[in-house]
Each structure stands twice: as C-alpha cells, then as structure tokens.
N, C-alpha and C. Protein backbone atom coordinates (compact mmCIF):
# COMPACT_ATOMS: atom_id res chain seq x y z
N MET A 1 81.62 150.61 -85.30
CA MET A 1 80.75 151.30 -84.34
C MET A 1 80.10 152.53 -84.97
N THR A 2 80.93 153.38 -85.60
CA THR A 2 80.41 154.59 -86.23
C THR A 2 79.46 154.25 -87.36
N ASP A 3 79.82 153.25 -88.17
CA ASP A 3 78.95 152.84 -89.28
C ASP A 3 77.60 152.35 -88.76
N THR A 4 77.62 151.64 -87.65
CA THR A 4 76.37 151.15 -87.05
C THR A 4 75.49 152.30 -86.61
N LEU A 5 76.10 153.31 -85.99
CA LEU A 5 75.35 154.48 -85.54
C LEU A 5 74.75 155.23 -86.72
N PHE A 6 75.55 155.39 -87.78
CA PHE A 6 75.05 156.05 -88.98
C PHE A 6 73.86 155.30 -89.56
N ALA A 7 73.96 153.97 -89.56
CA ALA A 7 72.87 153.14 -90.09
C ALA A 7 71.60 153.29 -89.26
N LEU A 8 71.77 153.36 -87.95
CA LEU A 8 70.61 153.53 -87.06
C LEU A 8 69.92 154.87 -87.31
N VAL A 9 70.72 155.92 -87.46
CA VAL A 9 70.15 157.25 -87.73
C VAL A 9 69.45 157.26 -89.08
N SER A 10 70.07 156.63 -90.07
CA SER A 10 69.49 156.57 -91.41
C SER A 10 68.17 155.83 -91.41
N THR A 11 68.08 154.77 -90.61
CA THR A 11 66.88 153.92 -90.59
C THR A 11 65.77 154.47 -89.71
N TYR A 12 66.14 154.90 -88.51
CA TYR A 12 65.12 155.29 -87.53
C TYR A 12 65.02 156.80 -87.29
N GLY A 13 65.94 157.55 -87.86
CA GLY A 13 65.84 159.00 -87.84
C GLY A 13 65.68 159.65 -86.49
N LEU A 14 64.62 160.43 -86.35
CA LEU A 14 64.41 161.24 -85.15
C LEU A 14 64.23 160.41 -83.89
N TRP A 15 63.74 159.18 -84.02
CA TRP A 15 63.58 158.32 -82.84
C TRP A 15 64.92 158.04 -82.18
N VAL A 16 65.93 157.78 -83.00
CA VAL A 16 67.27 157.52 -82.47
C VAL A 16 67.85 158.78 -81.84
N VAL A 17 67.65 159.91 -82.51
CA VAL A 17 68.13 161.19 -81.98
C VAL A 17 67.50 161.47 -80.62
N ALA A 18 66.20 161.32 -80.53
CA ALA A 18 65.49 161.60 -79.28
C ALA A 18 65.90 160.64 -78.17
N GLY A 19 65.93 159.35 -78.49
CA GLY A 19 66.28 158.36 -77.47
C GLY A 19 67.68 158.53 -76.93
N SER A 20 68.63 158.78 -77.82
CA SER A 20 70.02 158.93 -77.38
C SER A 20 70.22 160.19 -76.57
N ALA A 21 69.61 161.30 -77.00
CA ALA A 21 69.75 162.56 -76.27
C ALA A 21 69.14 162.45 -74.88
N PHE A 22 67.99 161.80 -74.78
CA PHE A 22 67.33 161.66 -73.48
C PHE A 22 68.12 160.75 -72.55
N LEU A 23 68.48 159.58 -73.03
CA LEU A 23 69.14 158.58 -72.18
C LEU A 23 70.55 158.99 -71.77
N SER A 24 71.27 159.67 -72.66
CA SER A 24 72.64 160.08 -72.32
C SER A 24 72.64 161.08 -71.17
N CYS A 25 71.56 161.85 -71.04
CA CYS A 25 71.45 162.80 -69.94
C CYS A 25 71.11 162.11 -68.62
N LEU A 26 70.86 160.80 -68.69
CA LEU A 26 70.62 160.00 -67.49
C LEU A 26 71.78 159.04 -67.26
N ALA A 27 72.94 159.38 -67.82
CA ALA A 27 74.19 158.63 -67.60
C ALA A 27 74.23 157.29 -68.33
N VAL A 28 73.35 157.08 -69.31
CA VAL A 28 73.45 155.88 -70.14
C VAL A 28 74.55 156.15 -71.17
N PRO A 29 75.56 155.28 -71.27
CA PRO A 29 76.72 155.55 -72.15
C PRO A 29 76.39 155.41 -73.63
N ILE A 30 75.83 156.45 -74.19
CA ILE A 30 75.48 156.49 -75.61
C ILE A 30 76.23 157.65 -76.26
N PRO A 31 76.87 157.42 -77.42
CA PRO A 31 77.62 158.50 -78.10
C PRO A 31 76.69 159.47 -78.82
N THR A 32 75.97 160.25 -78.04
CA THR A 32 74.96 161.14 -78.61
C THR A 32 75.56 162.20 -79.52
N ALA A 33 76.76 162.65 -79.22
CA ALA A 33 77.40 163.65 -80.07
C ALA A 33 77.56 163.12 -81.49
N VAL A 34 77.99 161.87 -81.61
CA VAL A 34 78.16 161.25 -82.93
C VAL A 34 76.81 161.13 -83.63
N ILE A 35 75.78 160.75 -82.89
CA ILE A 35 74.44 160.61 -83.47
C ILE A 35 73.91 161.96 -83.95
N MET A 36 74.16 163.02 -83.20
CA MET A 36 73.71 164.35 -83.64
C MET A 36 74.49 164.81 -84.86
N LEU A 37 75.78 164.52 -84.91
CA LEU A 37 76.56 164.84 -86.11
C LEU A 37 75.98 164.12 -87.32
N ALA A 38 75.69 162.83 -87.14
CA ALA A 38 75.14 162.03 -88.23
C ALA A 38 73.78 162.58 -88.69
N ALA A 39 72.94 162.92 -87.72
CA ALA A 39 71.62 163.46 -88.06
C ALA A 39 71.74 164.79 -88.80
N GLY A 40 72.70 165.60 -88.39
CA GLY A 40 72.94 166.85 -89.10
C GLY A 40 73.40 166.60 -90.52
N GLY A 41 74.27 165.59 -90.69
CA GLY A 41 74.75 165.23 -92.02
C GLY A 41 73.63 164.72 -92.91
N PHE A 42 72.76 163.89 -92.36
CA PHE A 42 71.63 163.39 -93.14
C PHE A 42 70.64 164.50 -93.47
N SER A 43 70.59 165.53 -92.63
CA SER A 43 69.76 166.69 -92.93
C SER A 43 70.29 167.43 -94.16
N ALA A 44 71.61 167.55 -94.22
CA ALA A 44 72.22 168.22 -95.37
C ALA A 44 71.95 167.46 -96.66
N ALA A 45 71.85 166.13 -96.55
CA ALA A 45 71.59 165.29 -97.73
C ALA A 45 70.11 165.24 -98.09
N GLY A 46 69.26 165.79 -97.23
CA GLY A 46 67.84 165.80 -97.51
C GLY A 46 67.07 164.61 -96.95
N ASP A 47 67.76 163.73 -96.23
CA ASP A 47 67.09 162.56 -95.66
C ASP A 47 66.31 162.90 -94.39
N LEU A 48 66.76 163.92 -93.68
CA LEU A 48 66.07 164.42 -92.50
C LEU A 48 65.88 165.92 -92.65
N VAL A 49 65.06 166.50 -91.79
CA VAL A 49 64.82 167.95 -91.83
C VAL A 49 65.60 168.59 -90.69
N PHE A 50 66.43 169.57 -91.04
CA PHE A 50 67.36 170.16 -90.08
C PHE A 50 66.67 170.66 -88.81
N TRP A 51 65.63 171.47 -88.97
CA TRP A 51 65.00 172.06 -87.78
C TRP A 51 64.32 171.00 -86.92
N GLN A 52 63.86 169.92 -87.55
CA GLN A 52 63.25 168.83 -86.78
C GLN A 52 64.30 168.09 -85.95
N VAL A 53 65.47 167.87 -86.55
CA VAL A 53 66.57 167.23 -85.82
C VAL A 53 66.98 168.11 -84.64
N LEU A 54 67.14 169.39 -84.91
CA LEU A 54 67.55 170.34 -83.87
C LEU A 54 66.53 170.37 -82.72
N GLY A 55 65.27 170.50 -83.07
CA GLY A 55 64.23 170.58 -82.05
C GLY A 55 64.07 169.29 -81.26
N THR A 56 64.14 168.16 -81.96
CA THR A 56 63.99 166.86 -81.30
C THR A 56 65.12 166.62 -80.30
N ALA A 57 66.35 166.87 -80.73
CA ALA A 57 67.51 166.66 -79.86
C ALA A 57 67.44 167.58 -78.65
N TRP A 58 67.05 168.82 -78.88
CA TRP A 58 66.99 169.81 -77.80
C TRP A 58 65.93 169.44 -76.77
N VAL A 59 64.73 169.13 -77.23
CA VAL A 59 63.64 168.78 -76.32
C VAL A 59 64.00 167.52 -75.53
N ALA A 60 64.55 166.52 -76.20
CA ALA A 60 64.91 165.26 -75.53
C ALA A 60 66.00 165.47 -74.49
N ALA A 61 67.00 166.30 -74.83
CA ALA A 61 68.09 166.55 -73.89
C ALA A 61 67.60 167.29 -72.65
N VAL A 62 66.78 168.31 -72.86
CA VAL A 62 66.23 169.06 -71.72
C VAL A 62 65.34 168.15 -70.87
N ALA A 63 64.54 167.31 -71.53
CA ALA A 63 63.68 166.37 -70.79
C ALA A 63 64.51 165.38 -69.98
N GLY A 64 65.61 164.92 -70.56
CA GLY A 64 66.50 164.01 -69.83
C GLY A 64 67.11 164.67 -68.61
N ASP A 65 67.56 165.90 -68.79
CA ASP A 65 68.14 166.64 -67.66
C ASP A 65 67.11 166.87 -66.56
N GLN A 66 65.90 167.24 -66.96
CA GLN A 66 64.85 167.48 -65.98
C GLN A 66 64.49 166.20 -65.22
N THR A 67 64.49 165.08 -65.94
CA THR A 67 64.21 163.80 -65.30
C THR A 67 65.28 163.48 -64.25
N GLY A 68 66.55 163.67 -64.63
CA GLY A 68 67.64 163.43 -63.69
C GLY A 68 67.54 164.34 -62.47
N PHE A 69 67.21 165.60 -62.71
CA PHE A 69 67.07 166.58 -61.62
C PHE A 69 65.98 166.14 -60.65
N HIS A 70 64.84 165.71 -61.17
CA HIS A 70 63.73 165.33 -60.30
C HIS A 70 63.98 164.00 -59.60
N ILE A 71 64.74 163.11 -60.24
CA ILE A 71 65.13 161.87 -59.57
C ILE A 71 66.02 162.20 -58.36
N GLY A 72 66.98 163.11 -58.58
CA GLY A 72 67.85 163.54 -57.48
C GLY A 72 67.08 164.23 -56.38
N ARG A 73 66.11 165.04 -56.77
CA ARG A 73 65.29 165.75 -55.79
C ARG A 73 64.44 164.78 -54.97
N TRP A 74 63.95 163.74 -55.64
CA TRP A 74 63.12 162.75 -54.97
C TRP A 74 63.94 161.86 -54.03
N GLY A 75 65.10 161.41 -54.51
CA GLY A 75 65.90 160.48 -53.72
C GLY A 75 66.83 161.13 -52.72
N GLY A 76 67.23 162.38 -53.00
CA GLY A 76 68.11 163.09 -52.09
C GLY A 76 69.50 162.49 -51.98
N PRO A 77 70.30 162.97 -51.04
CA PRO A 77 71.67 162.47 -50.84
C PRO A 77 71.78 160.95 -50.67
N PRO A 78 70.84 160.28 -49.98
CA PRO A 78 70.96 158.82 -49.85
C PRO A 78 70.97 158.11 -51.20
N LEU A 79 70.16 158.60 -52.14
CA LEU A 79 70.14 157.99 -53.47
C LEU A 79 71.47 158.22 -54.18
N ILE A 80 72.02 159.42 -54.06
CA ILE A 80 73.31 159.72 -54.70
C ILE A 80 74.39 158.80 -54.15
N ASP A 81 74.41 158.62 -52.85
CA ASP A 81 75.40 157.73 -52.22
C ASP A 81 75.23 156.30 -52.71
N ALA A 82 73.99 155.85 -52.84
CA ALA A 82 73.73 154.49 -53.31
C ALA A 82 74.19 154.31 -54.76
N ILE A 83 73.94 155.32 -55.59
CA ILE A 83 74.37 155.27 -56.99
C ILE A 83 75.89 155.23 -57.07
N ALA A 84 76.55 156.03 -56.24
CA ALA A 84 78.02 156.06 -56.23
C ALA A 84 78.58 154.69 -55.87
N ARG A 85 77.97 154.03 -54.89
CA ARG A 85 78.45 152.70 -54.48
C ARG A 85 78.24 151.66 -55.58
N ARG A 86 77.09 151.71 -56.21
CA ARG A 86 76.75 150.68 -57.19
C ARG A 86 77.47 150.87 -58.52
N THR A 87 77.71 152.11 -58.90
CA THR A 87 78.35 152.37 -60.20
C THR A 87 79.86 152.55 -60.10
N GLY A 88 80.35 152.85 -58.89
CA GLY A 88 81.78 153.10 -58.74
C GLY A 88 82.20 154.45 -59.29
N ARG A 89 81.23 155.32 -59.53
CA ARG A 89 81.53 156.64 -60.11
C ARG A 89 81.78 157.69 -59.03
N HIS A 90 82.51 157.33 -58.02
CA HIS A 90 82.74 158.24 -56.89
C HIS A 90 83.43 159.53 -57.34
N LYS A 91 84.41 159.40 -58.23
CA LYS A 91 85.17 160.58 -58.66
C LYS A 91 84.29 161.56 -59.42
N LEU A 92 83.55 161.04 -60.42
CA LEU A 92 82.68 161.91 -61.21
C LEU A 92 81.60 162.56 -60.35
N ILE A 93 81.02 161.77 -59.47
CA ILE A 93 79.97 162.31 -58.60
C ILE A 93 80.54 163.35 -57.64
N GLY A 94 81.76 163.12 -57.17
CA GLY A 94 82.42 164.11 -56.32
C GLY A 94 82.68 165.40 -57.06
N GLN A 95 83.12 165.30 -58.32
CA GLN A 95 83.35 166.49 -59.13
C GLN A 95 82.04 167.22 -59.41
N ALA A 96 80.99 166.45 -59.65
CA ALA A 96 79.68 167.06 -59.90
C ALA A 96 79.19 167.80 -58.66
N ARG A 97 79.43 167.21 -57.49
CA ARG A 97 79.01 167.85 -56.23
C ARG A 97 79.77 169.17 -56.03
N GLU A 98 81.07 169.16 -56.30
CA GLU A 98 81.87 170.38 -56.18
C GLU A 98 81.36 171.44 -57.16
N THR A 99 81.03 171.01 -58.37
CA THR A 99 80.55 171.94 -59.39
C THR A 99 79.27 172.64 -58.95
N VAL A 100 78.33 171.88 -58.42
CA VAL A 100 77.05 172.45 -57.99
C VAL A 100 77.24 173.33 -56.76
N GLN A 101 78.04 172.87 -55.81
CA GLN A 101 78.24 173.63 -54.57
C GLN A 101 78.90 174.98 -54.82
N HIS A 102 79.88 175.00 -55.72
CA HIS A 102 80.66 176.23 -55.92
C HIS A 102 80.13 177.11 -57.04
N TRP A 103 79.47 176.51 -58.04
CA TRP A 103 79.07 177.30 -59.20
C TRP A 103 77.55 177.39 -59.39
N GLY A 104 76.80 176.54 -58.71
CA GLY A 104 75.34 176.61 -58.82
C GLY A 104 74.85 176.48 -60.25
N GLY A 105 74.03 177.44 -60.67
CA GLY A 105 73.44 177.40 -62.01
C GLY A 105 74.47 177.45 -63.12
N ILE A 106 75.54 178.21 -62.93
CA ILE A 106 76.59 178.27 -63.95
C ILE A 106 77.24 176.91 -64.12
N GLY A 107 77.38 176.17 -63.03
CA GLY A 107 77.91 174.82 -63.12
C GLY A 107 77.01 173.91 -63.94
N VAL A 108 75.70 174.07 -63.78
CA VAL A 108 74.74 173.31 -64.59
C VAL A 108 74.93 173.66 -66.06
N PHE A 109 75.03 174.94 -66.35
CA PHE A 109 75.22 175.42 -67.72
C PHE A 109 76.46 174.80 -68.37
N LEU A 110 77.57 174.85 -67.67
CA LEU A 110 78.82 174.34 -68.23
C LEU A 110 78.81 172.82 -68.37
N SER A 111 78.10 172.14 -67.48
CA SER A 111 78.09 170.67 -67.52
C SER A 111 77.29 170.13 -68.69
N THR A 112 76.45 170.94 -69.31
CA THR A 112 75.65 170.45 -70.43
C THR A 112 76.44 170.40 -71.73
N TRP A 113 77.51 171.20 -71.82
CA TRP A 113 78.24 171.19 -73.10
C TRP A 113 79.76 171.17 -72.92
N LEU A 114 80.30 171.94 -71.98
CA LEU A 114 81.75 171.99 -71.84
C LEU A 114 82.29 170.83 -71.02
N PHE A 115 81.63 170.52 -69.92
CA PHE A 115 82.02 169.39 -69.07
C PHE A 115 80.98 168.28 -69.21
N ALA A 116 80.68 167.90 -70.45
CA ALA A 116 79.57 166.98 -70.73
C ALA A 116 79.59 165.68 -69.91
N PRO A 117 80.76 165.06 -69.63
CA PRO A 117 80.73 163.84 -68.83
C PRO A 117 80.15 164.04 -67.43
N LEU A 118 80.20 165.28 -66.93
CA LEU A 118 79.64 165.57 -65.61
C LEU A 118 78.14 165.80 -65.65
N GLY A 119 77.62 166.09 -66.84
CA GLY A 119 76.23 166.51 -66.97
C GLY A 119 75.19 165.68 -66.23
N PRO A 120 75.12 164.36 -66.49
CA PRO A 120 74.10 163.55 -65.81
C PRO A 120 74.22 163.57 -64.30
N TRP A 121 75.45 163.63 -63.81
CA TRP A 121 75.68 163.61 -62.37
C TRP A 121 75.35 164.96 -61.75
N VAL A 122 75.64 166.03 -62.49
CA VAL A 122 75.27 167.37 -62.02
C VAL A 122 73.75 167.48 -61.91
N ASN A 123 73.03 166.89 -62.87
CA ASN A 123 71.56 166.92 -62.80
C ASN A 123 71.07 166.30 -61.49
N LEU A 124 71.59 165.12 -61.18
CA LEU A 124 71.19 164.42 -59.95
C LEU A 124 71.56 165.21 -58.70
N ILE A 125 72.81 165.69 -58.68
CA ILE A 125 73.30 166.43 -57.51
C ILE A 125 72.51 167.72 -57.32
N ALA A 126 72.23 168.42 -58.42
CA ALA A 126 71.47 169.67 -58.33
C ALA A 126 70.10 169.42 -57.72
N GLY A 127 69.47 168.32 -58.11
CA GLY A 127 68.17 167.98 -57.54
C GLY A 127 68.28 167.63 -56.07
N ALA A 128 69.27 166.80 -55.74
CA ALA A 128 69.46 166.38 -54.35
C ALA A 128 69.84 167.55 -53.45
N ALA A 129 70.58 168.52 -54.01
CA ALA A 129 71.01 169.69 -53.25
C ALA A 129 69.93 170.76 -53.14
N ARG A 130 68.77 170.47 -53.74
CA ARG A 130 67.64 171.40 -53.69
C ARG A 130 67.95 172.73 -54.37
N LEU A 131 68.73 172.69 -55.47
CA LEU A 131 68.91 173.89 -56.27
C LEU A 131 67.53 174.30 -56.80
N GLU A 132 67.26 175.60 -56.81
CA GLU A 132 65.94 176.05 -57.25
C GLU A 132 65.63 175.52 -58.64
N ARG A 133 64.41 175.03 -58.82
CA ARG A 133 64.02 174.43 -60.10
C ARG A 133 64.13 175.43 -61.25
N TRP A 134 63.71 176.66 -61.01
CA TRP A 134 63.75 177.66 -62.08
C TRP A 134 65.18 177.99 -62.48
N ARG A 135 66.07 178.03 -61.48
CA ARG A 135 67.48 178.32 -61.77
C ARG A 135 68.10 177.18 -62.59
N PHE A 136 67.83 175.95 -62.16
CA PHE A 136 68.34 174.80 -62.89
C PHE A 136 67.83 174.82 -64.33
N THR A 137 66.55 175.08 -64.51
CA THR A 137 65.94 175.03 -65.84
C THR A 137 66.51 176.09 -66.77
N ILE A 138 66.65 177.31 -66.28
CA ILE A 138 67.17 178.39 -67.12
C ILE A 138 68.57 178.07 -67.62
N TRP A 139 69.46 177.67 -66.70
CA TRP A 139 70.83 177.39 -67.10
C TRP A 139 70.93 176.12 -67.94
N ASP A 140 70.10 175.15 -67.64
CA ASP A 140 70.09 173.91 -68.40
C ASP A 140 69.65 174.14 -69.84
N VAL A 141 68.58 174.89 -70.02
CA VAL A 141 68.07 175.19 -71.36
C VAL A 141 69.12 175.94 -72.18
N ALA A 142 69.78 176.90 -71.55
CA ALA A 142 70.82 177.67 -72.25
C ALA A 142 71.97 176.76 -72.68
N GLY A 143 72.41 175.89 -71.78
CA GLY A 143 73.52 175.00 -72.10
C GLY A 143 73.18 173.99 -73.17
N GLU A 144 72.00 173.39 -73.09
CA GLU A 144 71.61 172.39 -74.08
C GLU A 144 71.43 173.02 -75.46
N THR A 145 71.04 174.28 -75.49
CA THR A 145 70.93 174.99 -76.76
C THR A 145 72.29 175.04 -77.46
N ILE A 146 73.33 175.33 -76.70
CA ILE A 146 74.68 175.37 -77.26
C ILE A 146 75.12 173.98 -77.70
N TRP A 147 74.93 172.98 -76.84
CA TRP A 147 75.39 171.61 -77.12
C TRP A 147 74.73 171.04 -78.37
N VAL A 148 73.42 171.11 -78.42
CA VAL A 148 72.68 170.54 -79.55
C VAL A 148 72.96 171.30 -80.84
N THR A 149 72.90 172.62 -80.78
CA THR A 149 73.11 173.43 -81.98
C THR A 149 74.50 173.21 -82.56
N ALA A 150 75.50 173.14 -81.70
CA ALA A 150 76.88 172.97 -82.17
C ALA A 150 77.05 171.67 -82.95
N TYR A 151 76.61 170.56 -82.39
CA TYR A 151 76.84 169.26 -83.04
C TYR A 151 75.97 169.06 -84.27
N VAL A 152 74.71 169.42 -84.20
CA VAL A 152 73.82 169.24 -85.36
C VAL A 152 74.27 170.14 -86.51
N THR A 153 74.65 171.37 -86.19
CA THR A 153 75.09 172.30 -87.23
C THR A 153 76.40 171.86 -87.86
N LEU A 154 77.33 171.36 -87.03
CA LEU A 154 78.58 170.83 -87.58
C LEU A 154 78.31 169.69 -88.55
N GLY A 155 77.44 168.77 -88.16
CA GLY A 155 77.09 167.67 -89.04
C GLY A 155 76.47 168.15 -90.33
N PHE A 156 75.62 169.15 -90.24
CA PHE A 156 74.96 169.71 -91.43
C PHE A 156 75.98 170.38 -92.35
N ALA A 157 76.89 171.14 -91.76
CA ALA A 157 77.86 171.90 -92.55
C ALA A 157 78.90 171.01 -93.22
N PHE A 158 79.28 169.92 -92.56
CA PHE A 158 80.33 169.05 -93.09
C PHE A 158 79.82 167.63 -93.33
N GLY A 159 78.58 167.54 -93.76
CA GLY A 159 77.96 166.23 -93.96
C GLY A 159 78.67 165.35 -94.96
N SER A 160 79.32 165.94 -95.94
CA SER A 160 80.01 165.14 -96.95
C SER A 160 81.27 164.48 -96.41
N ARG A 161 81.75 164.94 -95.28
CA ARG A 161 82.95 164.37 -94.66
C ARG A 161 82.64 163.93 -93.22
N LEU A 162 81.54 163.24 -93.08
CA LEU A 162 81.01 162.91 -91.77
C LEU A 162 81.93 162.01 -90.95
N GLU A 163 82.52 161.01 -91.58
CA GLU A 163 83.39 160.09 -90.84
C GLU A 163 84.63 160.79 -90.31
N GLU A 164 85.25 161.63 -91.17
CA GLU A 164 86.43 162.37 -90.73
C GLU A 164 86.07 163.35 -89.62
N LEU A 165 84.92 164.01 -89.77
CA LEU A 165 84.47 164.97 -88.76
C LEU A 165 84.23 164.29 -87.42
N THR A 166 83.61 163.12 -87.47
CA THR A 166 83.33 162.38 -86.24
C THR A 166 84.62 162.02 -85.51
N ALA A 167 85.62 161.57 -86.26
CA ALA A 167 86.90 161.21 -85.64
C ALA A 167 87.57 162.43 -85.01
N ILE A 168 87.54 163.55 -85.72
CA ILE A 168 88.17 164.77 -85.21
C ILE A 168 87.46 165.27 -83.95
N VAL A 169 86.14 165.35 -84.02
CA VAL A 169 85.37 165.87 -82.89
C VAL A 169 85.52 164.98 -81.67
N THR A 170 85.51 163.67 -81.88
CA THR A 170 85.66 162.73 -80.77
C THR A 170 87.01 162.91 -80.08
N ASP A 171 88.07 163.04 -80.88
CA ASP A 171 89.41 163.22 -80.31
C ASP A 171 89.54 164.55 -79.58
N TRP A 172 89.12 165.62 -80.24
CA TRP A 172 89.29 166.94 -79.66
C TRP A 172 88.38 167.20 -78.48
N SER A 173 87.16 166.63 -78.51
CA SER A 173 86.24 166.87 -77.40
C SER A 173 86.80 166.31 -76.11
N GLY A 174 87.45 165.15 -76.19
CA GLY A 174 88.05 164.56 -75.00
C GLY A 174 89.15 165.44 -74.44
N MET A 175 89.97 166.00 -75.33
CA MET A 175 91.06 166.87 -74.89
C MET A 175 90.52 168.16 -74.29
N ILE A 176 89.49 168.72 -74.93
CA ILE A 176 88.91 169.97 -74.43
C ILE A 176 88.28 169.78 -73.07
N VAL A 177 87.53 168.68 -72.92
CA VAL A 177 86.88 168.41 -71.64
C VAL A 177 87.91 168.21 -70.54
N SER A 178 88.95 167.45 -70.83
CA SER A 178 89.99 167.21 -69.83
C SER A 178 90.66 168.51 -69.41
N GLY A 179 90.99 169.34 -70.39
CA GLY A 179 91.62 170.61 -70.08
C GLY A 179 90.70 171.53 -69.30
N ALA A 180 89.45 171.59 -69.72
CA ALA A 180 88.48 172.45 -69.03
C ALA A 180 88.25 172.01 -67.60
N MET A 181 88.16 170.70 -67.40
CA MET A 181 87.95 170.18 -66.04
C MET A 181 89.15 170.48 -65.16
N THR A 182 90.34 170.41 -65.72
CA THR A 182 91.55 170.72 -64.96
C THR A 182 91.54 172.18 -64.52
N VAL A 183 91.19 173.08 -65.44
CA VAL A 183 91.12 174.50 -65.12
C VAL A 183 90.06 174.76 -64.05
N ALA A 184 88.90 174.12 -64.20
CA ALA A 184 87.81 174.32 -63.23
C ALA A 184 88.20 173.83 -61.85
N LEU A 185 88.84 172.67 -61.78
CA LEU A 185 89.25 172.13 -60.48
C LEU A 185 90.31 173.02 -59.84
N ALA A 186 91.20 173.57 -60.66
CA ALA A 186 92.21 174.49 -60.14
C ALA A 186 91.54 175.74 -59.57
N ALA A 187 90.52 176.24 -60.28
CA ALA A 187 89.80 177.42 -59.80
C ALA A 187 89.09 177.13 -58.47
N LEU A 188 88.50 175.95 -58.36
CA LEU A 188 87.84 175.56 -57.12
C LEU A 188 88.84 175.48 -55.97
N LEU A 189 90.03 174.96 -56.26
CA LEU A 189 91.06 174.85 -55.24
C LEU A 189 91.49 176.23 -54.75
N VAL A 190 91.66 177.16 -55.69
CA VAL A 190 92.05 178.53 -55.33
C VAL A 190 90.98 179.17 -54.44
N LEU A 191 89.72 179.01 -54.82
CA LEU A 191 88.63 179.58 -54.03
C LEU A 191 88.60 178.99 -52.62
N ARG A 192 88.82 177.70 -52.53
CA ARG A 192 88.81 177.05 -51.22
C ARG A 192 89.96 177.55 -50.34
N LEU A 193 91.14 177.71 -50.94
CA LEU A 193 92.29 178.21 -50.19
C LEU A 193 92.04 179.63 -49.70
N ARG A 194 91.39 180.43 -50.52
CA ARG A 194 91.07 181.80 -50.11
C ARG A 194 90.12 181.82 -48.92
N LYS A 195 89.14 180.92 -48.95
CA LYS A 195 88.19 180.84 -47.83
C LYS A 195 88.90 180.43 -46.55
N ILE A 196 89.85 179.49 -46.67
CA ILE A 196 90.60 179.03 -45.50
C ILE A 196 91.42 180.18 -44.92
N ARG A 197 92.05 180.97 -45.80
CA ARG A 197 92.86 182.09 -45.34
C ARG A 197 92.01 183.15 -44.65
N LYS A 198 90.83 183.42 -45.22
CA LYS A 198 89.94 184.41 -44.62
C LYS A 198 89.45 183.94 -43.25
N ALA A 199 89.22 182.64 -43.14
CA ALA A 199 88.75 182.08 -41.87
C ALA A 199 89.79 182.23 -40.78
N ARG A 200 91.07 182.23 -41.17
CA ARG A 200 92.14 182.39 -40.20
C ARG A 200 92.28 183.86 -39.78
C-alpha cells in the first residue's frame, strides 16, 4: 500500500497531492498524511519543489473544507441525517456535532489537525449549523496550515527514512487522536454537568 502511494506521488506529483488533500476533506478515505510525507520526501530529493508541495496541499485542503462547509450549509440538518443513515457514521457525526456546538471555531481549528478523523464531518456540521462563514474560514485556514506544514516538513526533513517515518507517524497519530478525543469528550461532559447544576 505504502509503496503504491509513493509510486503515485513519484509519477503524478502535485496532482496526487492536490486530489488527496481535497477529497480527504470530503470524507473520502485517502491516506493524505502519507502522501504529504512522501511528497515532502521527494522534495528533499529534488524530484518536487518544497514550496509547491506545501502550497498545493494547503490550497486543496482549504478548498475541500470550504466545499464540505457549503454542502452542509446548502443541505442543512436533513442532509446530515441522510448522510448518517447511509454511511453509518452516526458516532463520528455525533462527535462532530458536539464539537461544533460546544467549541465553535476552535472546534473547527482542532478538527483539521488534532482530531483529523472528525474534520470532514465538522465541515458539514458547521455549515448546517450556520456557523459564520468568516469564523469557519479563519479557524480552518489556521488549522490546515499546521496540518499541511507538519506533514510535508516531516517528509522533507526525514526523506531518506520515509518508510520508517510513515510507519511511526501512522501508529502515533492514531494514538494521539484517540487520546485527544477522549480528553475533549471528557471536557464536554464536565461542561454539560456544570450547566445542569447551574440550571438546578
């Protein structure tokens, strides 16, 4: 799988970077982090240009997020419910809804890099919930800057050990996301309990 992705990046370059970054922000299951690492590594080898990889991935990711946001805004809650039924992603969509309701723009920011699996769903929910477009955009741009820069730069810095780096990042990113989501859900629970107590 990893070798195939490396080959695609080597052959098609920025097109693969752009396509994967855009589509992954629309919940298409593409290992964009691995592709960005590979593109960064190929930049270090001189096969690609670092700033072009960085810019392409960033623009595509922001465009994907904006597309998801506007789809959610256009379809509203009925569309979200229909997507949940058809995809079976009730849990993720529920977590995304909690994130937007309780954290707003900060939730958008965190979902682009720290809680990446929530990202596409947060985009849709934010649009459906009528989060202000400017607020969504500011936090989204900030978050995607961190996400894209981190992975492309890691690939560039450790390009000679790309396969080992990919394995490490893949393993650790899952652990970090799981831990971060647990902490966030605990924080949401505490806030909700406080509201209940105040209401009494």
